[in-house]
Amino acid sequence: MKRLLRVSLLCVFVSGCGGIQSPLAPAGDQAAALHGLLLLMVAVCGVIYLLVLGGLAWSLWRRRPAAAGDNEPSDAALGRGLGVTAGVIVAGLTVLIVGSFLADRALFATRAQPAMEVRVTGHQWWWRIEYRDAAGRWIETANELHLPLGRTTRVLLGSADVIHSFWVPNVAGKIDMIPGRRNLLDLTPRRAGWYRGQCAEFCGAQHAHMALDVKVEDATTFDSWLAEQGRPAAAPAGPRAAQGAAVFAGPCGICHAVRGTPAAGRAGPDLTHLASRRSIAAGTLPMSRGGLQGWIAQPQALKPGTSMPAVPLRPADADALSSYLTTLR
């Protein structure tokens, strides 16, 4: 039983050392630079910690009951010990300063190079994401960031309300998003896959439910995805979807946009290709027809304090609306 308990505790600790949201599994140049600095700090501080423990053990050993002929440590010996300690501290700080300088250089190494621009704006509690395509147009989506593998993406970060913080630990470090200004962050991912980002600055009641899905994919797949995102929504297919589109044009179109339709609201996320995303409401629910129906009917029960109001609809209209939204791919 004790052995099982020890193994279980070990698994709990080891489970925090990797995954889709961990600075210990770098998947990009910027994250690798910060990971290297972290390892350097652990090594330097670890050496100093061991030296302190060694000094403590030596001092305790010297304080044992004196035997015949033993001498107390002289002032010269104590002075040498303090000198060695000071030298180790200065050397450790020098190594950390140099390592920090080199990490900063790596983080800004791509700043002078041309890069694809993406604007990410934090809202309570979701992410507005806009891509600049080859034609110079801004294409808007929400809560899901796609990055081309091996290319540098320059992310322009801002906030629409309070201070947020952009953090995708596998790809890059944390940087604040401050109302009234734009911060820049370059991302150069080197490993394909899904990663999880998170707002890392407390921003209100639903701060913990402000997740960001990040997908790193090969350049060809990314270009195809971006071209698809730039297209307007397809016309409703079938009478049920057409009924849902008519319902959407009423209360929903005030806050949300669907390109290719009269709906052009800006208060909430752009829903032109909503059904192609992995989640609803910044990771609150998985993308599904049932999830959409629940979110439309009771958003305040699922995410209290959100700006999304409950939409009073007849069951038939709610069913038609969710059917229409699932066609927005």
C-alpha atoms as a PDB file:
ATOM      1  CA  MET A   1       0.000   0.000   0.000  1.00  0.00           C
ATOM      2  CA  LYS A   2       2.820   2.393   0.886  1.00  0.00           C
ATOM      3  CA  ARG A   3       4.581   1.593  -2.363  1.00  0.00           C
ATOM      4  CA  LEU A   4       1.417   2.321  -4.350  1.00  0.00           C
ATOM      5  CA  LEU A   5       1.035   5.633  -2.521  1.00  0.00           C
ATOM      6  CA  ARG A   6       4.638   6.620  -3.317  1.00  0.00           C
ATOM      7  CA  VAL A   7       4.202   5.741  -6.998  1.00  0.00           C
ATOM      8  CA  SER A   8       0.942   7.721  -7.146  1.00  0.00           C
ATOM      9  CA  LEU A   9       2.569  10.800  -5.611  1.00  0.00           C
ATOM     10  CA  LEU A  10       5.485  10.495  -8.046  1.00  0.00           C
ATOM     11  CA  CYS A  11       3.062  10.344 -10.998  1.00  0.00           C
ATOM     12  CA  VAL A  12       1.298  13.480  -9.758  1.00  0.00           C
ATOM     13  CA  PHE A  13       4.566  15.426  -9.653  1.00  0.00           C
ATOM     14  CA  VAL A  14       5.868  14.083 -12.977  1.00  0.00           C
ATOM     15  CA  SER A  15       2.564  14.909 -14.716  1.00  0.00           C
ATOM     16  CA  GLY A  16       3.347  18.621 -14.331  1.00  0.00           C
ATOM     17  CA  CYS A  17       6.614  18.399 -16.305  1.00  0.00           C
ATOM     18  CA  GLY A  18       5.235  18.421 -19.851  1.00  0.00           C
ATOM     19  CA  GLY A  19       2.132  18.521 -22.015  1.00  0.00           C
ATOM     20  CA  ILE A  20       0.346  21.143 -24.089  1.00  0.00           C
ATOM     21  CA  GLN A  21       0.795  23.907 -21.488  1.00  0.00           C
ATOM     22  CA  SER A  22       4.270  23.648 -20.012  1.00  0.00           C
ATOM     23  CA  PRO A  23       7.440  25.785 -20.241  1.00  0.00           C
ATOM     24  CA  LEU A  24       9.423  22.557 -19.788  1.00  0.00           C
ATOM     25  CA  ALA A  25       8.439  21.282 -23.255  1.00  0.00           C
ATOM     26  CA  PRO A  26       9.510  24.116 -25.599  1.00  0.00           C
ATOM     27  CA  ALA A  27       8.086  23.976 -29.131  1.00  0.00           C
ATOM     28  CA  GLY A  28       9.478  27.255 -30.473  1.00  0.00           C
ATOM     29  CA  ASP A  29      12.639  29.345 -30.598  1.00  0.00           C
ATOM     30  CA  GLN A  30      11.470  31.854 -27.984  1.00  0.00           C
ATOM     31  CA  ALA A  31      10.314  29.144 -25.574  1.00  0.00           C
ATOM     32  CA  ALA A  32      13.621  27.285 -26.051  1.00  0.00           C
ATOM     33  CA  ALA A  33      15.579  30.432 -25.109  1.00  0.00           C
ATOM     34  CA  LEU A  34      13.556  30.852 -21.920  1.00  0.00           C
ATOM     35  CA  HIS A  35      13.837  27.137 -21.146  1.00  0.00           C
ATOM     36  CA  GLY A  36      17.616  27.360 -21.427  1.00  0.00           C
ATOM     37  CA  LEU A  37      17.652  30.349 -19.066  1.00  0.00           C
ATOM     38  CA  LEU A  38      15.470  28.424 -16.602  1.00  0.00           C
ATOM     39  CA  LEU A  39      17.868  25.464 -16.604  1.00  0.00           C
ATOM     40  CA  LEU A  40      20.804  27.815 -16.092  1.00  0.00           C
ATOM     41  CA  MET A  41      19.081  29.455 -13.108  1.00  0.00           C
ATOM     42  CA  VAL A  42      18.300  26.050 -11.596  1.00  0.00           C
ATOM     43  CA  ALA A  43      21.931  24.958 -12.036  1.00  0.00           C
ATOM     44  CA  VAL A  44      23.470  28.129 -10.561  1.00  0.00           C
ATOM     45  CA  CYS A  45      21.035  28.344  -7.666  1.00  0.00           C
ATOM     46  CA  GLY A  46      21.374  24.615  -7.065  1.00  0.00           C
ATOM     47  CA  VAL A  47      25.165  24.896  -6.743  1.00  0.00           C
ATOM     48  CA  ILE A  48      24.834  27.826  -4.336  1.00  0.00           C
ATOM     49  CA  TYR A  49      22.229  25.910  -2.322  1.00  0.00           C
ATOM     50  CA  LEU A  50      24.515  22.880  -2.020  1.00  0.00           C
ATOM     51  CA  LEU A  51      27.420  25.089  -0.979  1.00  0.00           C
ATOM     52  CA  VAL A  52      25.269  26.696   1.712  1.00  0.00           C
ATOM     53  CA  LEU A  53      24.253  23.267   3.008  1.00  0.00           C
ATOM     54  CA  GLY A  54      27.886  22.212   2.969  1.00  0.00           C
ATOM     55  CA  GLY A  55      28.908  25.306   4.915  1.00  0.00           C
ATOM     56  CA  LEU A  56      26.139  24.695   7.417  1.00  0.00           C
ATOM     57  CA  ALA A  57      27.227  21.081   7.898  1.00  0.00           C
ATOM     58  CA  TRP A  58      30.856  22.159   8.339  1.00  0.00           C
ATOM     59  CA  SER A  59      29.909  24.795  10.933  1.00  0.00           C
ATOM     60  CA  LEU A  60      27.826  22.286  12.888  1.00  0.00           C
ATOM     61  CA  TRP A  61      30.664  19.792  12.778  1.00  0.00           C
ATOM     62  CA  ARG A  62      33.093  22.444  14.072  1.00  0.00           C
ATOM     63  CA  ARG A  63      30.751  23.222  16.962  1.00  0.00           C
ATOM     64  CA  ARG A  64      30.890  19.655  18.336  1.00  0.00           C
ATOM     65  CA  PRO A  65      32.336  19.231  21.837  1.00  0.00           C
ATOM     66  CA  ALA A  66      36.042  20.053  21.621  1.00  0.00           C
ATOM     67  CA  ALA A  67      38.454  17.142  22.028  1.00  0.00           C
ATOM     68  CA  ALA A  68      41.895  17.421  23.522  1.00  0.00           C
ATOM     69  CA  GLY A  69      44.166  19.322  21.211  1.00  0.00           C
ATOM     70  CA  ASP A  70      41.396  20.711  18.991  1.00  0.00           C
ATOM     71  CA  ASN A  71      41.607  24.359  18.106  1.00  0.00           C
ATOM     72  CA  GLU A  72      38.770  26.754  17.409  1.00  0.00           C
ATOM     73  CA  PRO A  73      38.652  28.102  13.828  1.00  0.00           C
ATOM     74  CA  SER A  74      40.820  31.184  13.504  1.00  0.00           C
ATOM     75  CA  ASP A  75      39.667  34.550  12.199  1.00  0.00           C
ATOM     76  CA  ALA A  76      41.751  33.887   9.104  1.00  0.00           C
ATOM     77  CA  ALA A  77      39.841  30.654   8.399  1.00  0.00           C
ATOM     78  CA  LEU A  78      36.516  32.423   8.820  1.00  0.00           C
ATOM     79  CA  GLY A  79      37.698  35.200   6.521  1.00  0.00           C
ATOM     80  CA  ARG A  80      38.693  32.689   3.852  1.00  0.00           C
ATOM     81  CA  GLY A  81      35.283  31.059   4.129  1.00  0.00           C
ATOM     82  CA  LEU A  82      33.491  34.366   3.707  1.00  0.00           C
ATOM     83  CA  GLY A  83      35.733  35.228   0.768  1.00  0.00           C
ATOM     84  CA  VAL A  84      34.953  31.949  -0.983  1.00  0.00           C
ATOM     85  CA  THR A  85      31.222  32.477  -0.379  1.00  0.00           C
ATOM     86  CA  ALA A  86      31.327  35.999  -1.803  1.00  0.00           C
ATOM     87  CA  GLY A  87      33.294  34.795  -4.810  1.00  0.00           C
ATOM     88  CA  VAL A  88      30.761  32.053  -5.546  1.00  0.00           C
ATOM     89  CA  ILE A  89      27.853  34.522  -5.276  1.00  0.00           C
ATOM     90  CA  VAL A  90      29.524  37.047  -7.603  1.00  0.00           C
ATOM     91  CA  ALA A  91      30.387  34.316 -10.112  1.00  0.00           C
ATOM     92  CA  GLY A  92      26.831  32.958 -10.009  1.00  0.00           C
ATOM     93  CA  LEU A  93      25.293  36.397 -10.521  1.00  0.00           C
ATOM     94  CA  THR A  94      27.684  37.070 -13.412  1.00  0.00           C
ATOM     95  CA  VAL A  95      26.672  33.824 -15.107  1.00  0.00           C
ATOM     96  CA  LEU A  96      22.978  34.671 -14.669  1.00  0.00           C
ATOM     97  CA  ILE A  97      23.457  38.194 -16.063  1.00  0.00           C
ATOM     98  CA  VAL A  98      25.216  36.843 -19.162  1.00  0.00           C
ATOM     99  CA  GLY A  99      22.581  34.118 -19.590  1.00  0.00           C
ATOM    100  CA  SER A 100      19.755  36.662 -19.282  1.00  0.00           C
ATOM    101  CA  PHE A 101      21.416  38.902 -21.861  1.00  0.00           C
ATOM    102  CA  LEU A 102      21.780  36.016 -24.321  1.00  0.00           C
ATOM    103  CA  ALA A 103      18.153  34.935 -23.757  1.00  0.00           C
ATOM    104  CA  ASP A 104      16.957  38.493 -24.445  1.00  0.00           C
ATOM    105  CA  ARG A 105      18.964  38.564 -27.669  1.00  0.00           C
ATOM    106  CA  ALA A 106      17.332  35.306 -28.758  1.00  0.00           C
ATOM    107  CA  LEU A 107      13.839  36.656 -27.999  1.00  0.00           C
ATOM    108  CA  PHE A 108      14.410  39.731 -30.162  1.00  0.00           C
ATOM    109  CA  ALA A 109      16.564  38.102 -32.862  1.00  0.00           C
ATOM    110  CA  THR A 110      13.713  38.126 -35.405  1.00  0.00           C
ATOM    111  CA  ARG A 111      12.454  41.656 -34.714  1.00  0.00           C
ATOM    112  CA  ALA A 112      14.282  43.187 -37.709  1.00  0.00           C
ATOM    113  CA  GLN A 113      12.981  40.512 -40.102  1.00  0.00           C
ATOM    114  CA  PRO A 114       9.662  40.694 -41.990  1.00  0.00           C
ATOM    115  CA  ALA A 115       6.950  38.551 -40.439  1.00  0.00           C
ATOM    116  CA  MET A 116       3.249  37.826 -40.719  1.00  0.00           C
ATOM    117  CA  GLU A 117       1.250  40.141 -38.469  1.00  0.00           C
ATOM    118  CA  VAL A 118      -1.486  38.941 -36.136  1.00  0.00           C
ATOM    119  CA  ARG A 119      -3.446  41.184 -33.778  1.00  0.00           C
ATOM    120  CA  VAL A 120      -4.642  39.620 -30.520  1.00  0.00           C
ATOM    121  CA  THR A 121      -6.961  41.682 -28.322  1.00  0.00           C
ATOM    122  CA  GLY A 122      -8.005  40.537 -24.863  1.00  0.00           C
ATOM    123  CA  HIS A 123     -11.634  40.941 -23.771  1.00  0.00           C
ATOM    124  CA  GLN A 124     -13.422  39.821 -20.619  1.00  0.00           C
ATOM    125  CA  TRP A 125     -13.188  36.840 -21.146  1.00  0.00           C
ATOM    126  CA  TRP A 126     -12.255  35.902 -24.702  1.00  0.00           C
ATOM    127  CA  TRP A 127      -9.661  36.620 -27.401  1.00  0.00           C
ATOM    128  CA  ARG A 128     -10.227  38.579 -30.626  1.00  0.00           C
ATOM    129  CA  ILE A 129      -7.698  37.430 -33.237  1.00  0.00           C
ATOM    130  CA  GLU A 130      -7.073  39.171 -36.567  1.00  0.00           C
ATOM    131  CA  TYR A 131      -4.718  38.018 -39.326  1.00  0.00           C
ATOM    132  CA  ARG A 132      -3.274  40.194 -42.061  1.00  0.00           C
ATOM    133  CA  ASP A 133      -3.322  38.162 -45.280  1.00  0.00           C
ATOM    134  CA  ALA A 134      -1.125  38.558 -48.371  1.00  0.00           C
ATOM    135  CA  ALA A 135      -3.548  41.138 -49.810  1.00  0.00           C
ATOM    136  CA  GLY A 136      -3.287  43.309 -46.683  1.00  0.00           C
ATOM    137  CA  ARG A 137      -6.813  42.506 -45.411  1.00  0.00           C
ATOM    138  CA  TRP A 138      -7.528  41.782 -41.777  1.00  0.00           C
ATOM    139  CA  ILE A 139      -9.335  38.472 -41.267  1.00  0.00           C
ATOM    140  CA  GLU A 140     -10.994  38.055 -37.891  1.00  0.00           C
ATOM    141  CA  THR A 141     -11.578  34.965 -35.786  1.00  0.00           C
ATOM    142  CA  ALA A 142     -11.681  34.281 -32.035  1.00  0.00           C
ATOM    143  CA  ASN A 143     -10.187  32.104 -29.276  1.00  0.00           C
ATOM    144  CA  GLU A 144      -8.043  30.005 -31.616  1.00  0.00           C
ATOM    145  CA  LEU A 145      -4.600  31.003 -32.860  1.00  0.00           C
ATOM    146  CA  HIS A 146      -3.070  29.225 -35.861  1.00  0.00           C
ATOM    147  CA  LEU A 147       0.675  29.516 -36.508  1.00  0.00           C
ATOM    148  CA  PRO A 148       2.745  28.339 -39.494  1.00  0.00           C
ATOM    149  CA  LEU A 149       5.531  25.912 -38.616  1.00  0.00           C
ATOM    150  CA  GLY A 150       9.012  27.377 -38.997  1.00  0.00           C
ATOM    151  CA  ARG A 151       7.820  30.908 -39.813  1.00  0.00           C
ATOM    152  CA  THR A 152       7.959  33.908 -37.522  1.00  0.00           C
ATOM    153  CA  THR A 153       4.615  35.450 -36.605  1.00  0.00           C
ATOM    154  CA  ARG A 154       4.604  38.946 -35.087  1.00  0.00           C
ATOM    155  CA  VAL A 155       1.769  39.227 -32.586  1.00  0.00           C
ATOM    156  CA  LEU A 156       0.477  42.710 -31.745  1.00  0.00           C
ATOM    157  CA  LEU A 157      -1.095  42.486 -28.311  1.00  0.00           C
ATOM    158  CA  GLY A 158      -3.698  44.832 -26.837  1.00  0.00           C
ATOM    159  CA  SER A 159      -6.674  44.926 -24.485  1.00  0.00           C
ATOM    160  CA  ALA A 160     -10.204  46.240 -24.883  1.00  0.00           C
ATOM    161  CA  ASP A 161     -10.984  46.569 -21.166  1.00  0.00           C
ATOM    162  CA  VAL A 162      -8.635  45.562 -18.311  1.00  0.00           C
ATOM    163  CA  ILE A 163      -5.070  44.266 -18.171  1.00  0.00           C
ATOM    164  CA  HIS A 164      -4.766  40.754 -19.580  1.00  0.00           C
ATOM    165  CA  SER A 165      -1.649  38.678 -20.221  1.00  0.00           C
ATOM    166  CA  PHE A 166      -0.829  36.485 -23.223  1.00  0.00           C
ATOM    167  CA  TRP A 167       0.905  33.229 -22.289  1.00  0.00           C
ATOM    168  CA  VAL A 168       1.466  30.146 -24.427  1.00  0.00           C
ATOM    169  CA  PRO A 169       4.322  28.544 -22.449  1.00  0.00           C
ATOM    170  CA  ASN A 170       5.248  25.902 -25.043  1.00  0.00           C
ATOM    171  CA  VAL A 171       5.778  28.584 -27.702  1.00  0.00           C
ATOM    172  CA  ALA A 172       6.871  31.773 -25.901  1.00  0.00           C
ATOM    173  CA  GLY A 173       6.940  33.617 -22.612  1.00  0.00           C
ATOM    174  CA  LYS A 174       4.310  35.777 -20.949  1.00  0.00           C
ATOM    175  CA  ILE A 175       3.657  39.388 -21.921  1.00  0.00           C
ATOM    176  CA  ASP A 176       1.004  41.770 -20.606  1.00  0.00           C
ATOM    177  CA  MET A 177      -1.809  43.235 -22.703  1.00  0.00           C
ATOM    178  CA  ILE A 178      -2.480  46.783 -21.514  1.00  0.00           C
ATOM    179  CA  PRO A 179      -5.410  49.017 -22.542  1.00  0.00           C
ATOM    180  CA  GLY A 180      -4.294  51.884 -24.762  1.00  0.00           C
ATOM    181  CA  ARG A 181      -1.028  50.394 -25.997  1.00  0.00           C
ATOM    182  CA  ARG A 182       0.325  47.612 -28.202  1.00  0.00           C
ATOM    183  CA  ASN A 183       3.003  45.161 -27.101  1.00  0.00           C
ATOM    184  CA  LEU A 184       4.863  42.992 -29.609  1.00  0.00           C
ATOM    185  CA  LEU A 185       5.783  39.334 -29.348  1.00  0.00           C
ATOM    186  CA  ASP A 186       7.493  37.234 -32.028  1.00  0.00           C
ATOM    187  CA  LEU A 187       6.611  33.534 -32.232  1.00  0.00           C
ATOM    188  CA  THR A 188       8.689  31.035 -34.221  1.00  0.00           C
ATOM    189  CA  PRO A 189       7.239  27.556 -33.575  1.00  0.00           C
ATOM    190  CA  ARG A 190       9.341  24.501 -34.410  1.00  0.00           C
ATOM    191  CA  ARG A 191       7.025  21.601 -33.529  1.00  0.00           C
ATOM    192  CA  ALA A 192       3.556  21.008 -34.946  1.00  0.00           C
ATOM    193  CA  GLY A 193       0.598  20.251 -32.706  1.00  0.00           C
ATOM    194  CA  TRP A 194      -2.028  21.746 -30.436  1.00  0.00           C
ATOM    195  CA  TYR A 195      -0.966  23.871 -27.474  1.00  0.00           C
ATOM    196  CA  ARG A 196      -2.898  25.695 -24.800  1.00  0.00           C
ATOM    197  CA  GLY A 197      -2.594  29.351 -23.937  1.00  0.00           C
ATOM    198  CA  GLN A 198      -4.084  31.178 -20.991  1.00  0.00           C
ATOM    199  CA  CYS A 199      -4.614  34.689 -19.708  1.00  0.00           C
ATOM    200  CA  ALA A 200      -1.934  34.954 -17.016  1.00  0.00           C
ATOM    201  CA  GLU A 201      -3.080  38.202 -15.363  1.00  0.00           C
ATOM    202  CA  PHE A 202      -6.136  38.149 -13.096  1.00  0.00           C
ATOM    203  CA  CYS A 203      -8.823  39.971 -15.083  1.00  0.00           C
ATOM    204  CA  GLY A 204     -12.104  39.262 -13.296  1.00  0.00           C
ATOM    205  CA  ALA A 205     -14.461  36.532 -12.203  1.00  0.00           C
ATOM    206  CA  GLN A 206     -13.946  34.309 -15.265  1.00  0.00           C
ATOM    207  CA  HIS A 207     -10.190  34.761 -15.561  1.00  0.00           C
ATOM    208  CA  ALA A 208      -9.678  30.993 -15.223  1.00  0.00           C
ATOM    209  CA  HIS A 209     -12.041  30.426 -18.180  1.00  0.00           C
ATOM    210  CA  MET A 210     -10.074  32.523 -20.671  1.00  0.00           C
ATOM    211  CA  ALA A 211      -8.197  29.829 -22.548  1.00  0.00           C
ATOM    212  CA  LEU A 212      -6.615  30.047 -25.981  1.00  0.00           C
ATOM    213  CA  ASP A 213      -6.211  27.082 -28.333  1.00  0.00           C
ATOM    214  CA  VAL A 214      -3.018  27.333 -30.414  1.00  0.00           C
ATOM    215  CA  LYS A 215      -2.399  25.127 -33.437  1.00  0.00           C
ATOM    216  CA  VAL A 216       1.002  24.919 -35.107  1.00  0.00           C
ATOM    217  CA  GLU A 217       0.734  23.422 -38.591  1.00  0.00           C
ATOM    218  CA  ASP A 218       2.850  23.180 -41.722  1.00  0.00           C
ATOM    219  CA  ALA A 219       2.938  26.253 -43.939  1.00  0.00           C
ATOM    220  CA  THR A 220       0.804  24.741 -46.712  1.00  0.00           C
ATOM    221  CA  THR A 221      -1.960  23.712 -44.308  1.00  0.00           C
ATOM    222  CA  PHE A 222      -1.822  27.108 -42.614  1.00  0.00           C
ATOM    223  CA  ASP A 223      -2.105  28.978 -45.915  1.00  0.00           C
ATOM    224  CA  SER A 224      -5.135  26.878 -46.883  1.00  0.00           C
ATOM    225  CA  TRP A 225      -6.730  27.495 -43.481  1.00  0.00           C
ATOM    226  CA  LEU A 226      -6.172  31.254 -43.715  1.00  0.00           C
ATOM    227  CA  ALA A 227      -7.613  31.392 -47.234  1.00  0.00           C
ATOM    228  CA  GLU A 228     -10.691  29.526 -45.990  1.00  0.00           C
ATOM    229  CA  GLN A 229     -11.050  31.886 -43.047  1.00  0.00           C
ATOM    230  CA  GLY A 230     -11.024  34.839 -45.441  1.00  0.00           C
ATOM    231  CA  ARG A 231     -14.072  33.593 -47.324  1.00  0.00           C
ATOM    232  CA  PRO A 232     -17.589  34.721 -46.356  1.00  0.00           C
ATOM    233  CA  ALA A 233     -19.972  32.278 -44.735  1.00  0.00           C
ATOM    234  CA  ALA A 234     -21.685  29.793 -47.024  1.00  0.00           C
ATOM    235  CA  ALA A 235     -25.396  30.223 -47.691  1.00  0.00           C
ATOM    236  CA  PRO A 236     -27.659  28.180 -45.371  1.00  0.00           C
ATOM    237  CA  ALA A 237     -28.195  24.669 -46.695  1.00  0.00           C
ATOM    238  CA  GLY A 238     -31.732  23.424 -46.116  1.00  0.00           C
ATOM    239  CA  PRO A 239     -34.860  24.902 -44.553  1.00  0.00           C
ATOM    240  CA  ARG A 240     -33.770  24.358 -40.932  1.00  0.00           C
ATOM    241  CA  ALA A 241     -30.465  26.187 -41.430  1.00  0.00           C
ATOM    242  CA  ALA A 242     -32.305  28.953 -43.324  1.00  0.00           C
ATOM    243  CA  GLN A 243     -34.690  29.332 -40.379  1.00  0.00           C
ATOM    244  CA  GLY A 244     -31.695  29.508 -38.043  1.00  0.00           C
ATOM    245  CA  ALA A 245     -30.080  32.186 -40.206  1.00  0.00           C
ATOM    246  CA  ALA A 246     -33.261  34.261 -39.957  1.00  0.00           C
ATOM    247  CA  VAL A 247     -33.248  33.861 -36.180  1.00  0.00           C
ATOM    248  CA  PHE A 248     -29.573  34.854 -36.030  1.00  0.00           C
ATOM    249  CA  ALA A 249     -30.218  38.037 -38.009  1.00  0.00           C
ATOM    250  CA  GLY A 250     -32.414  39.302 -35.159  1.00  0.00           C
ATOM    251  CA  PRO A 251     -30.846  39.444 -31.675  1.00  0.00           C
ATOM    252  CA  CYS A 252     -27.538  37.729 -32.500  1.00  0.00           C
ATOM    253  CA  GLY A 253     -26.505  40.038 -35.346  1.00  0.00           C
ATOM    254  CA  ILE A 254     -26.457  43.024 -32.992  1.00  0.00           C
ATOM    255  CA  CYS A 255     -23.318  41.739 -31.233  1.00  0.00           C
ATOM    256  CA  HIS A 256     -21.815  39.231 -33.675  1.00  0.00           C
ATOM    257  CA  ALA A 257     -20.619  39.354 -37.268  1.00  0.00           C
ATOM    258  CA  VAL A 258     -20.989  36.722 -39.959  1.00  0.00           C
ATOM    259  CA  ARG A 259     -19.271  37.877 -43.118  1.00  0.00           C
ATOM    260  CA  GLY A 260     -21.496  37.589 -46.169  1.00  0.00           C
ATOM    261  CA  THR A 261     -24.639  38.363 -44.152  1.00  0.00           C
ATOM    262  CA  PRO A 262     -26.120  41.610 -42.766  1.00  0.00           C
ATOM    263  CA  ALA A 263     -24.854  40.652 -39.273  1.00  0.00           C
ATOM    264  CA  ALA A 264     -21.932  42.962 -38.510  1.00  0.00           C
ATOM    265  CA  GLY A 265     -21.808  43.347 -34.716  1.00  0.00           C
ATOM    266  CA  ARG A 266     -18.468  43.958 -33.028  1.00  0.00           C
ATOM    267  CA  ALA A 267     -19.290  43.539 -29.345  1.00  0.00           C
ATOM    268  CA  GLY A 268     -18.775  39.767 -29.449  1.00  0.00           C
ATOM    269  CA  PRO A 269     -16.637  37.323 -31.425  1.00  0.00           C
ATOM    270  CA  ASP A 270     -16.839  37.022 -35.205  1.00  0.00           C
ATOM    271  CA  LEU A 271     -18.785  33.819 -35.942  1.00  0.00           C
ATOM    272  CA  THR A 272     -18.189  33.486 -39.685  1.00  0.00           C
ATOM    273  CA  HIS A 273     -16.398  30.147 -39.253  1.00  0.00           C
ATOM    274  CA  LEU A 274     -17.487  29.337 -35.715  1.00  0.00           C
ATOM    275  CA  ALA A 275     -18.008  25.590 -36.207  1.00  0.00           C
ATOM    276  CA  SER A 276     -14.395  25.084 -37.346  1.00  0.00           C
ATOM    277  CA  ARG A 277     -13.132  25.949 -33.843  1.00  0.00           C
ATOM    278  CA  ARG A 278     -12.433  23.451 -31.067  1.00  0.00           C
ATOM    279  CA  SER A 279     -14.335  25.144 -28.280  1.00  0.00           C
ATOM    280  CA  ILE A 280     -17.047  27.607 -27.322  1.00  0.00           C
ATOM    281  CA  ALA A 281     -16.549  30.693 -25.116  1.00  0.00           C
ATOM    282  CA  ALA A 282     -12.734  30.511 -24.841  1.00  0.00           C
ATOM    283  CA  GLY A 283     -12.502  26.876 -23.805  1.00  0.00           C
ATOM    284  CA  THR A 284     -15.617  26.795 -21.619  1.00  0.00           C
ATOM    285  CA  LEU A 285     -17.374  24.101 -23.701  1.00  0.00           C
ATOM    286  CA  PRO A 286     -16.304  21.758 -26.507  1.00  0.00           C
ATOM    287  CA  MET A 287     -17.659  22.680 -29.914  1.00  0.00           C
ATOM    288  CA  SER A 288     -20.865  20.722 -30.504  1.00  0.00           C
ATOM    289  CA  ARG A 289     -24.482  21.364 -31.353  1.00  0.00           C
ATOM    290  CA  GLY A 290     -25.523  20.612 -27.779  1.00  0.00           C
ATOM    291  CA  GLY A 291     -22.861  22.939 -26.447  1.00  0.00           C
ATOM    292  CA  LEU A 292     -24.092  25.714 -28.718  1.00  0.00           C
ATOM    293  CA  GLN A 293     -27.681  25.223 -27.570  1.00  0.00           C
ATOM    294  CA  GLY A 294     -26.633  25.302 -23.912  1.00  0.00           C
ATOM    295  CA  TRP A 295     -24.516  28.420 -24.409  1.00  0.00           C
ATOM    296  CA  ILE A 296     -27.317  30.259 -26.228  1.00  0.00           C
ATOM    297  CA  ALA A 297     -29.904  29.331 -23.602  1.00  0.00           C
ATOM    298  CA  GLN A 298     -27.913  29.827 -20.366  1.00  0.00           C
ATOM    299  CA  PRO A 299     -24.562  31.604 -20.842  1.00  0.00           C
ATOM    300  CA  GLN A 300     -24.703  33.141 -17.356  1.00  0.00           C
ATOM    301  CA  ALA A 301     -25.087  29.707 -15.771  1.00  0.00           C
ATOM    302  CA  LEU A 302     -22.068  28.373 -17.678  1.00  0.00           C
ATOM    303  CA  LYS A 303     -19.850  31.465 -17.402  1.00  0.00           C
ATOM    304  CA  PRO A 304     -21.249  33.897 -14.812  1.00  0.00           C
ATOM    305  CA  GLY A 305     -20.494  37.530 -15.570  1.00  0.00           C
ATOM    306  CA  THR A 306     -19.932  37.057 -19.294  1.00  0.00           C
ATOM    307  CA  SER A 307     -21.216  39.786 -21.614  1.00  0.00           C
ATOM    308  CA  MET A 308     -23.288  37.220 -23.496  1.00  0.00           C
ATOM    309  CA  PRO A 309     -26.954  37.558 -22.401  1.00  0.00           C
ATOM    310  CA  ALA A 310     -29.428  34.705 -22.362  1.00  0.00           C
ATOM    311  CA  VAL A 311     -31.352  34.696 -25.642  1.00  0.00           C
ATOM    312  CA  PRO A 312     -35.066  33.925 -25.076  1.00  0.00           C
ATOM    313  CA  LEU A 313     -36.017  31.676 -27.986  1.00  0.00           C
ATOM    314  CA  ARG A 314     -38.710  29.125 -28.636  1.00  0.00           C
ATOM    315  CA  PRO A 315     -37.345  25.555 -28.626  1.00  0.00           C
ATOM    316  CA  ALA A 316     -37.866  25.247 -32.381  1.00  0.00           C
ATOM    317  CA  ASP A 317     -35.982  28.503 -33.033  1.00  0.00           C
ATOM    318  CA  ALA A 318     -33.141  27.506 -30.674  1.00  0.00           C
ATOM    319  CA  ASP A 319     -32.815  24.170 -32.469  1.00  0.00           C
ATOM    320  CA  ALA A 320     -32.782  25.881 -35.872  1.00  0.00           C
ATOM    321  CA  LEU A 321     -30.211  28.455 -34.692  1.00  0.00           C
ATOM    322  CA  SER A 322     -27.822  25.799 -33.380  1.00  0.00           C
ATOM    323  CA  SER A 323     -28.281  23.886 -36.644  1.00  0.00           C
ATOM    324  CA  TYR A 324     -27.311  26.999 -38.619  1.00  0.00           C
ATOM    325  CA  LEU A 325     -24.285  27.734 -36.432  1.00  0.00           C
ATOM    326  CA  THR A 326     -22.907  24.227 -36.969  1.00  0.00           C
ATOM    327  CA  THR A 327     -22.800  24.954 -40.720  1.00  0.00           C
ATOM    328  CA  LEU A 328     -20.458  27.929 -40.236  1.00  0.00           C
ATOM    329  CA  ARG A 329     -17.213  26.136 -41.070  1.00  0.00           C
END
